[in-house]
Amino acid sequence: MIFTQPASSGRKISVAGDFNGWSPGVTMLKLREDSGVFQALVDMPPGKYQYRIVIDGKWQADRYNEEMQLNAYGEPNSVIVVPES
């Protein structure tokens, strides 16, 4: 799965979800200056996952993914499905 956010979104961007223990320091998006985006490639087995984007320390749903589910705090988590190959 490739997570992508525009470079203009912030200075430090990561993704935290049930696939990495909800740890914002584990999966950092790297700036690709040639394309003007932050990206991270995450190897995940098939399944359904919830995640949030962390931009400069602020947790939020991925504004580029319409699939969402409310978490235990009543806030939206983004949802992705990794299909079988």
PDB file of N, CA and C in Angstrom:
ATOM      1  N   MET A   1       0.855  -1.164   0.000  1.00  0.00           N
ATOM      2  CA  MET A   1       0.000   0.000   0.000  1.00  0.00           C
ATOM      3  C   MET A   1       0.901   1.227   0.000  1.00  0.00           C
ATOM      4  N   ILE A   2       0.563   2.190  -0.843  1.00  0.00           N
ATOM      5  CA  ILE A   2       1.319   3.446  -0.885  1.00  0.00           C
ATOM      6  C   ILE A   2       0.461   4.545  -0.278  1.00  0.00           C
ATOM      7  N   PHE A   3       0.972   5.175   0.755  1.00  0.00           N
ATOM      8  CA  PHE A   3       0.318   6.320   1.369  1.00  0.00           C
ATOM      9  C   PHE A   3       0.972   7.568   0.806  1.00  0.00           C
ATOM     10  N   THR A   4       0.162   8.530   0.365  1.00  0.00           N
ATOM     11  CA  THR A   4       0.672   9.741  -0.266  1.00  0.00           C
ATOM     12  C   THR A   4      -0.074  10.957   0.272  1.00  0.00           C
ATOM     13  N   GLN A   5       0.678  12.001   0.539  1.00  0.00           N
ATOM     14  CA  GLN A   5       0.114  13.280   0.954  1.00  0.00           C
ATOM     15  C   GLN A   5       0.876  14.387   0.244  1.00  0.00           C
ATOM     16  N   PRO A   6       0.220  15.493  -0.100  1.00  0.00           N
ATOM     17  CA  PRO A   6       0.926  16.593  -0.758  1.00  0.00           C
ATOM     18  C   PRO A   6       2.020  17.175   0.141  1.00  0.00           C
ATOM     19  N   ALA A   7       3.105  17.613  -0.464  1.00  0.00           N
ATOM     20  CA  ALA A   7       4.211  18.202   0.295  1.00  0.00           C
ATOM     21  C   ALA A   7       3.758  19.437   1.059  1.00  0.00           C
ATOM     22  N   SER A   8       2.745  20.114   0.558  1.00  0.00           N
ATOM     23  CA  SER A   8       2.251  21.327   1.208  1.00  0.00           C
ATOM     24  C   SER A   8       1.445  21.038   2.479  1.00  0.00           C
ATOM     25  N   SER A   9       1.199  19.762   2.785  1.00  0.00           N
ATOM     26  CA  SER A   9       0.386  19.392   3.946  1.00  0.00           C
ATOM     27  C   SER A   9       1.053  19.713   5.272  1.00  0.00           C
ATOM     28  N   GLY A  10       2.373  19.594   5.315  1.00  0.00           N
ATOM     29  CA  GLY A  10       3.084  19.814   6.573  1.00  0.00           C
ATOM     30  C   GLY A  10       4.559  19.518   6.417  1.00  0.00           C
ATOM     31  N   ARG A  11       5.261  19.549   7.559  1.00  0.00           N
ATOM     32  CA  ARG A  11       6.708  19.303   7.533  1.00  0.00           C
ATOM     33  C   ARG A  11       7.076  17.871   7.908  1.00  0.00           C
ATOM     34  N   LYS A  12       6.274  17.261   8.774  1.00  0.00           N
ATOM     35  CA  LYS A  12       6.549  15.898   9.246  1.00  0.00           C
ATOM     36  C   LYS A  12       5.240  15.116   9.191  1.00  0.00           C
ATOM     37  N   ILE A  13       5.213  14.071   8.360  1.00  0.00           N
ATOM     38  CA  ILE A  13       3.973  13.319   8.148  1.00  0.00           C
ATOM     39  C   ILE A  13       4.237  11.829   8.349  1.00  0.00           C
ATOM     40  N   SER A  14       3.317  11.190   9.053  1.00  0.00           N
ATOM     41  CA  SER A  14       3.404   9.747   9.248  1.00  0.00           C
ATOM     42  C   SER A  14       2.001   9.164   9.160  1.00  0.00           C
ATOM     43  N   VAL A  15       1.957   7.845   9.143  1.00  0.00           N
ATOM     44  CA  VAL A  15       0.679   7.143   9.156  1.00  0.00           C
ATOM     45  C   VAL A  15       0.708   6.180  10.336  1.00  0.00           C
ATOM     46  N   ALA A  16      -0.390   6.162  11.091  1.00  0.00           N
ATOM     47  CA  ALA A  16      -0.511   5.266  12.241  1.00  0.00           C
ATOM     48  C   ALA A  16      -1.821   4.505  12.088  1.00  0.00           C
ATOM     49  N   GLY A  17      -1.751   3.200  12.271  1.00  0.00           N
ATOM     50  CA  GLY A  17      -2.958   2.405  12.117  1.00  0.00           C
ATOM     51  C   GLY A  17      -2.848   1.069  12.813  1.00  0.00           C
ATOM     52  N   ASP A  18      -3.883   0.265  12.637  1.00  0.00           N
ATOM     53  CA  ASP A  18      -3.868  -1.037  13.298  1.00  0.00           C
ATOM     54  C   ASP A  18      -2.826  -1.971  12.682  1.00  0.00           C
ATOM     55  N   PHE A  19      -2.233  -1.602  11.568  1.00  0.00           N
ATOM     56  CA  PHE A  19      -1.180  -2.395  10.936  1.00  0.00           C
ATOM     57  C   PHE A  19       0.206  -2.104  11.508  1.00  0.00           C
ATOM     58  N   ASN A  20       0.355  -1.028  12.302  1.00  0.00           N
ATOM     59  CA  ASN A  20       1.658  -0.724  12.906  1.00  0.00           C
ATOM     60  C   ASN A  20       1.537  -0.347  14.384  1.00  0.00           C
ATOM     61  N   GLY A  21       0.498  -0.869  15.026  1.00  0.00           N
ATOM     62  CA  GLY A  21       0.319  -0.640  16.459  1.00  0.00           C
ATOM     63  C   GLY A  21      -0.086   0.778  16.813  1.00  0.00           C
ATOM     64  N   TRP A  22      -0.642   1.513  15.855  1.00  0.00           N
ATOM     65  CA  TRP A  22      -1.053   2.902  16.055  1.00  0.00           C
ATOM     66  C   TRP A  22       0.102   3.762  16.542  1.00  0.00           C
ATOM     67  N   SER A  23       1.279   3.455  16.091  1.00  0.00           N
ATOM     68  CA  SER A  23       2.478   4.191  16.505  1.00  0.00           C
ATOM     69  C   SER A  23       2.872   5.206  15.428  1.00  0.00           C
ATOM     70  N   PRO A  24       2.767   6.506  15.717  1.00  0.00           N
ATOM     71  CA  PRO A  24       3.050   7.514  14.703  1.00  0.00           C
ATOM     72  C   PRO A  24       4.519   7.625  14.317  1.00  0.00           C
ATOM     73  N   GLY A  25       5.418   7.032  15.084  1.00  0.00           N
ATOM     74  CA  GLY A  25       6.837   7.107  14.755  1.00  0.00           C
ATOM     75  C   GLY A  25       7.352   5.955  13.911  1.00  0.00           C
ATOM     76  N   VAL A  26       6.506   4.976  13.632  1.00  0.00           N
ATOM     77  CA  VAL A  26       6.945   3.778  12.916  1.00  0.00           C
ATOM     78  C   VAL A  26       6.954   3.966  11.397  1.00  0.00           C
ATOM     79  N   THR A  27       5.916   4.575  10.860  1.00  0.00           N
ATOM     80  CA  THR A  27       5.779   4.679   9.408  1.00  0.00           C
ATOM     81  C   THR A  27       5.774   6.149   8.989  1.00  0.00           C
ATOM     82  N   MET A  28       6.962   6.675   8.761  1.00  0.00           N
ATOM     83  CA  MET A  28       7.115   8.066   8.344  1.00  0.00           C
ATOM     84  C   MET A  28       7.006   8.154   6.829  1.00  0.00           C
ATOM     85  N   LEU A  29       6.325   9.174   6.349  1.00  0.00           N
ATOM     86  CA  LEU A  29       6.271   9.424   4.918  1.00  0.00           C
ATOM     87  C   LEU A  29       7.495  10.259   4.557  1.00  0.00           C
ATOM     88  N   LYS A  30       8.147   9.906   3.470  1.00  0.00           N
ATOM     89  CA  LYS A  30       9.354  10.616   3.034  1.00  0.00           C
ATOM     90  C   LYS A  30       9.012  11.595   1.921  1.00  0.00           C
ATOM     91  N   LEU A  31       9.624  12.765   1.992  1.00  0.00           N
ATOM     92  CA  LEU A  31       9.385  13.786   0.984  1.00  0.00           C
ATOM     93  C   LEU A  31      10.050  13.399  -0.320  1.00  0.00           C
ATOM     94  N   ARG A  32       9.264  13.422  -1.382  1.00  0.00           N
ATOM     95  CA  ARG A  32       9.779  13.210  -2.739  1.00  0.00           C
ATOM     96  C   ARG A  32       9.702  14.562  -3.443  1.00  0.00           C
ATOM     97  N   GLU A  33      10.783  15.279  -3.386  1.00  0.00           N
ATOM     98  CA  GLU A  33      10.799  16.634  -3.936  1.00  0.00           C
ATOM     99  C   GLU A  33      10.517  16.650  -5.431  1.00  0.00           C
ATOM    100  N   ASP A  34      10.920  15.582  -6.141  1.00  0.00           N
ATOM    101  CA  ASP A  34      10.691  15.533  -7.591  1.00  0.00           C
ATOM    102  C   ASP A  34       9.213  15.529  -7.957  1.00  0.00           C
ATOM    103  N   SER A  35       8.375  14.955  -7.087  1.00  0.00           N
ATOM    104  CA  SER A  35       6.945  14.892  -7.385  1.00  0.00           C
ATOM    105  C   SER A  35       6.097  15.747  -6.442  1.00  0.00           C
ATOM    106  N   GLY A  36       6.716  16.375  -5.457  1.00  0.00           N
ATOM    107  CA  GLY A  36       5.993  17.272  -4.563  1.00  0.00           C
ATOM    108  C   GLY A  36       5.040  16.586  -3.608  1.00  0.00           C
ATOM    109  N   VAL A  37       5.377  15.355  -3.190  1.00  0.00           N
ATOM    110  CA  VAL A  37       4.530  14.623  -2.254  1.00  0.00           C
ATOM    111  C   VAL A  37       5.379  13.930  -1.194  1.00  0.00           C
ATOM    112  N   PHE A  38       4.721  13.613  -0.095  1.00  0.00           N
ATOM    113  CA  PHE A  38       5.278  12.709   0.905  1.00  0.00           C
ATOM    114  C   PHE A  38       4.708  11.331   0.596  1.00  0.00           C
ATOM    115  N   GLN A  39       5.543  10.283   0.690  1.00  0.00           N
ATOM    116  CA  GLN A  39       5.061   8.924   0.423  1.00  0.00           C
ATOM    117  C   GLN A  39       5.698   7.908   1.366  1.00  0.00           C
ATOM    118  N   ALA A  40       4.955   6.846   1.600  1.00  0.00           N
ATOM    119  CA  ALA A  40       5.469   5.677   2.320  1.00  0.00           C
ATOM    120  C   ALA A  40       4.859   4.440   1.684  1.00  0.00           C
ATOM    121  N   LEU A  41       5.683   3.447   1.467  1.00  0.00           N
ATOM    122  CA  LEU A  41       5.239   2.150   0.961  1.00  0.00           C
ATOM    123  C   LEU A  41       5.197   1.196   2.148  1.00  0.00           C
ATOM    124  N   VAL A  42       4.030   0.634   2.404  1.00  0.00           N
ATOM    125  CA  VAL A  42       3.846  -0.257   3.552  1.00  0.00           C
ATOM    126  C   VAL A  42       3.395  -1.615   3.045  1.00  0.00           C
ATOM    127  N   ASP A  43       4.160  -2.643   3.389  1.00  0.00           N
ATOM    128  CA  ASP A  43       3.821  -4.010   3.012  1.00  0.00           C
ATOM    129  C   ASP A  43       2.809  -4.548   4.024  1.00  0.00           C
ATOM    130  N   MET A  44       1.615  -4.885   3.549  1.00  0.00           N
ATOM    131  CA  MET A  44       0.554  -5.379   4.424  1.00  0.00           C
ATOM    132  C   MET A  44      -0.088  -6.609   3.816  1.00  0.00           C
ATOM    133  N   PRO A  45      -0.397  -7.593   4.646  1.00  0.00           N
ATOM    134  CA  PRO A  45      -1.136  -8.739   4.128  1.00  0.00           C
ATOM    135  C   PRO A  45      -2.567  -8.324   3.792  1.00  0.00           C
ATOM    136  N   PRO A  46      -3.258  -9.128   2.990  1.00  0.00           N
ATOM    137  CA  PRO A  46      -4.647  -8.810   2.656  1.00  0.00           C
ATOM    138  C   PRO A  46      -5.491  -8.637   3.922  1.00  0.00           C
ATOM    139  N   GLY A  47      -6.416  -7.697   3.855  1.00  0.00           N
ATOM    140  CA  GLY A  47      -7.306  -7.456   4.987  1.00  0.00           C
ATOM    141  C   GLY A  47      -7.825  -6.035   4.993  1.00  0.00           C
ATOM    142  N   LYS A  48      -8.632  -5.732   5.998  1.00  0.00           N
ATOM    143  CA  LYS A  48      -9.214  -4.402   6.176  1.00  0.00           C
ATOM    144  C   LYS A  48      -8.487  -3.720   7.327  1.00  0.00           C
ATOM    145  N   TYR A  49      -8.076  -2.467   7.108  1.00  0.00           N
ATOM    146  CA  TYR A  49      -7.281  -1.743   8.092  1.00  0.00           C
ATOM    147  C   TYR A  49      -7.840  -0.347   8.330  1.00  0.00           C
ATOM    148  N   GLN A  50      -7.684   0.119   9.577  1.00  0.00           N
ATOM    149  CA  GLN A  50      -8.010   1.494   9.921  1.00  0.00           C
ATOM    150  C   GLN A  50      -6.704   2.232  10.174  1.00  0.00           C
ATOM    151  N   TYR A  51      -6.703   3.523   9.841  1.00  0.00           N
ATOM    152  CA  TYR A  51      -5.494   4.320  10.052  1.00  0.00           C
ATOM    153  C   TYR A  51      -5.847   5.794  10.149  1.00  0.00           C
ATOM    154  N   ARG A  52      -4.873   6.575  10.606  1.00  0.00           N
ATOM    155  CA  ARG A  52      -4.973   8.031  10.619  1.00  0.00           C
ATOM    156  C   ARG A  52      -3.648   8.596  10.136  1.00  0.00           C
ATOM    157  N   ILE A  53      -3.712   9.777   9.559  1.00  0.00           N
ATOM    158  CA  ILE A  53      -2.522  10.497   9.130  1.00  0.00           C
ATOM    159  C   ILE A  53      -2.119  11.428  10.266  1.00  0.00           C
ATOM    160  N   VAL A  54      -0.826  11.509  10.553  1.00  0.00           N
ATOM    161  CA  VAL A  54      -0.324  12.401  11.604  1.00  0.00           C
ATOM    162  C   VAL A  54       0.543  13.459  10.921  1.00  0.00           C
ATOM    163  N   ILE A  55       0.045  14.680  10.911  1.00  0.00           N
ATOM    164  CA  ILE A  55       0.737  15.790  10.253  1.00  0.00           C
ATOM    165  C   ILE A  55       1.201  16.772  11.316  1.00  0.00           C
ATOM    166  N   ASP A  56       2.512  16.907  11.432  1.00  0.00           N
ATOM    167  CA  ASP A  56       3.106  17.808  12.429  1.00  0.00           C
ATOM    168  C   ASP A  56       2.495  17.589  13.814  1.00  0.00           C
ATOM    169  N   GLY A  57       2.314  16.309  14.178  1.00  0.00           N
ATOM    170  CA  GLY A  57       1.808  15.935  15.495  1.00  0.00           C
ATOM    171  C   GLY A  57       0.297  15.898  15.625  1.00  0.00           C
ATOM    172  N   LYS A  58      -0.443  16.345  14.618  1.00  0.00           N
ATOM    173  CA  LYS A  58      -1.903  16.345  14.656  1.00  0.00           C
ATOM    174  C   LYS A  58      -2.469  15.119  13.959  1.00  0.00           C
ATOM    175  N   TRP A  59      -3.261  14.340  14.693  1.00  0.00           N
ATOM    176  CA  TRP A  59      -3.893  13.148  14.145  1.00  0.00           C
ATOM    177  C   TRP A  59      -5.159  13.545  13.396  1.00  0.00           C
ATOM    178  N   GLN A  60      -5.338  12.975  12.216  1.00  0.00           N
ATOM    179  CA  GLN A  60      -6.539  13.274  11.434  1.00  0.00           C
ATOM    180  C   GLN A  60      -6.816  12.156  10.444  1.00  0.00           C
ATOM    181  N   ALA A  61      -8.058  12.120   9.985  1.00  0.00           N
ATOM    182  CA  ALA A  61      -8.409  11.172   8.927  1.00  0.00           C
ATOM    183  C   ALA A  61      -7.709  11.617   7.647  1.00  0.00           C
ATOM    184  N   ASP A  62      -7.494  10.676   6.766  1.00  0.00           N
ATOM    185  CA  ASP A  62      -6.872  10.951   5.472  1.00  0.00           C
ATOM    186  C   ASP A  62      -7.898  11.658   4.589  1.00  0.00           C
ATOM    187  N   ARG A  63      -7.689  12.924   4.303  1.00  0.00           N
ATOM    188  CA  ARG A  63      -8.673  13.692   3.531  1.00  0.00           C
ATOM    189  C   ARG A  63      -8.794  13.214   2.087  1.00  0.00           C
ATOM    190  N   TYR A  64      -7.889  12.348   1.644  1.00  0.00           N
ATOM    191  CA  TYR A  64      -7.923  11.835   0.274  1.00  0.00           C
ATOM    192  C   TYR A  64      -8.516  10.429   0.187  1.00  0.00           C
ATOM    193  N   ASN A  65      -9.082   9.959   1.289  1.00  0.00           N
ATOM    194  CA  ASN A  65      -9.736   8.653   1.328  1.00  0.00           C
ATOM    195  C   ASN A  65     -11.135   8.849   1.907  1.00  0.00           C
ATOM    196  N   GLU A  66     -12.148   8.576   1.117  1.00  0.00           N
ATOM    197  CA  GLU A  66     -13.534   8.779   1.559  1.00  0.00           C
ATOM    198  C   GLU A  66     -14.044   7.675   2.482  1.00  0.00           C
ATOM    199  N   GLU A  67     -13.353   6.524   2.509  1.00  0.00           N
ATOM    200  CA  GLU A  67     -13.786   5.401   3.350  1.00  0.00           C
ATOM    201  C   GLU A  67     -13.373   5.670   4.793  1.00  0.00           C
ATOM    202  N   MET A  68     -14.378   5.773   5.693  1.00  0.00           N
ATOM    203  CA  MET A  68     -14.101   6.083   7.094  1.00  0.00           C
ATOM    204  C   MET A  68     -14.988   5.283   8.021  1.00  0.00           C
ATOM    205  N   GLN A  69     -14.508   5.179   9.256  1.00  0.00           N
ATOM    206  CA  GLN A  69     -15.253   4.500  10.310  1.00  0.00           C
ATOM    207  C   GLN A  69     -14.945   5.240  11.605  1.00  0.00           C
ATOM    208  N   LEU A  70     -15.963   5.494  12.426  1.00  0.00           N
ATOM    209  CA  LEU A  70     -15.728   6.192  13.686  1.00  0.00           C
ATOM    210  C   LEU A  70     -14.974   5.298  14.658  1.00  0.00           C
ATOM    211  N   ASN A  71     -14.009   5.892  15.368  1.00  0.00           N
ATOM    212  CA  ASN A  71     -13.262   5.141  16.380  1.00  0.00           C
ATOM    213  C   ASN A  71     -13.959   5.268  17.735  1.00  0.00           C
ATOM    214  N   ALA A  72     -13.358   4.722  18.777  1.00  0.00           N
ATOM    215  CA  ALA A  72     -13.949   4.720  20.112  1.00  0.00           C
ATOM    216  C   ALA A  72     -14.126   6.128  20.680  1.00  0.00           C
ATOM    217  N   TYR A  73     -13.428   7.111  20.129  1.00  0.00           N
ATOM    218  CA  TYR A  73     -13.521   8.501  20.590  1.00  0.00           C
ATOM    219  C   TYR A  73     -14.511   9.316  19.757  1.00  0.00           C
ATOM    220  N   GLY A  74     -15.188   8.659  18.807  1.00  0.00           N
ATOM    221  CA  GLY A  74     -16.147   9.335  17.960  1.00  0.00           C
ATOM    222  C   GLY A  74     -15.511  10.124  16.828  1.00  0.00           C
ATOM    223  N   GLU A  75     -14.218   9.890  16.587  1.00  0.00           N
ATOM    224  CA  GLU A  75     -13.502  10.571  15.509  1.00  0.00           C
ATOM    225  C   GLU A  75     -13.360   9.625  14.325  1.00  0.00           C
ATOM    226  N   PRO A  76     -13.267  10.167  13.109  1.00  0.00           N
ATOM    227  CA  PRO A  76     -13.160   9.292  11.939  1.00  0.00           C
ATOM    228  C   PRO A  76     -11.761   8.717  11.739  1.00  0.00           C
ATOM    229  N   ASN A  77     -11.702   7.425  11.541  1.00  0.00           N
ATOM    230  CA  ASN A  77     -10.490   6.743  11.079  1.00  0.00           C
ATOM    231  C   ASN A  77     -10.684   6.452   9.603  1.00  0.00           C
ATOM    232  N   SER A  78      -9.636   6.540   8.835  1.00  0.00           N
ATOM    233  CA  SER A  78      -9.697   6.146   7.435  1.00  0.00           C
ATOM    234  C   SER A  78      -9.605   4.629   7.348  1.00  0.00           C
ATOM    235  N   VAL A  79     -10.199   4.058   6.310  1.00  0.00           N
ATOM    236  CA  VAL A  79     -10.249   2.609   6.142  1.00  0.00           C
ATOM    237  C   VAL A  79      -9.713   2.248   4.760  1.00  0.00           C
ATOM    238  N   ILE A  80      -8.861   1.230   4.728  1.00  0.00           N
ATOM    239  CA  ILE A  80      -8.376   0.679   3.454  1.00  0.00           C
ATOM    240  C   ILE A  80      -8.569  -0.822   3.470  1.00  0.00           C
ATOM    241  N   VAL A  81      -8.727  -1.381   2.279  1.00  0.00           N
ATOM    242  CA  VAL A  81      -8.813  -2.832   2.134  1.00  0.00           C
ATOM    243  C   VAL A  81      -7.695  -3.259   1.178  1.00  0.00           C
ATOM    244  N   VAL A  82      -6.852  -4.154   1.656  1.00  0.00           N
ATOM    245  CA  VAL A  82      -5.790  -4.716   0.828  1.00  0.00           C
ATOM    246  C   VAL A  82      -6.330  -6.032   0.271  1.00  0.00           C
ATOM    247  N   PRO A  83      -6.510  -6.089  -1.044  1.00  0.00           N
ATOM    248  CA  PRO A  83      -7.109  -7.295  -1.646  1.00  0.00           C
ATOM    249  C   PRO A  83      -6.118  -8.461  -1.716  1.00  0.00           C
ATOM    250  N   GLU A  84      -6.679  -9.639  -1.880  1.00  0.00           N
ATOM    251  CA  GLU A  84      -5.850 -10.828  -2.138  1.00  0.00           C
ATOM    252  C   GLU A  84      -5.164 -10.622  -3.480  1.00  0.00           C
ATOM    253  N   SER A  85      -3.941 -11.082  -3.611  1.00  0.00           N
ATOM    254  CA  SER A  85      -3.209 -10.918  -4.869  1.00  0.00           C
ATOM    255  C   SER A  85      -3.747 -11.837  -5.938  1.00  0.00           C
TER     256      SER A  85
END
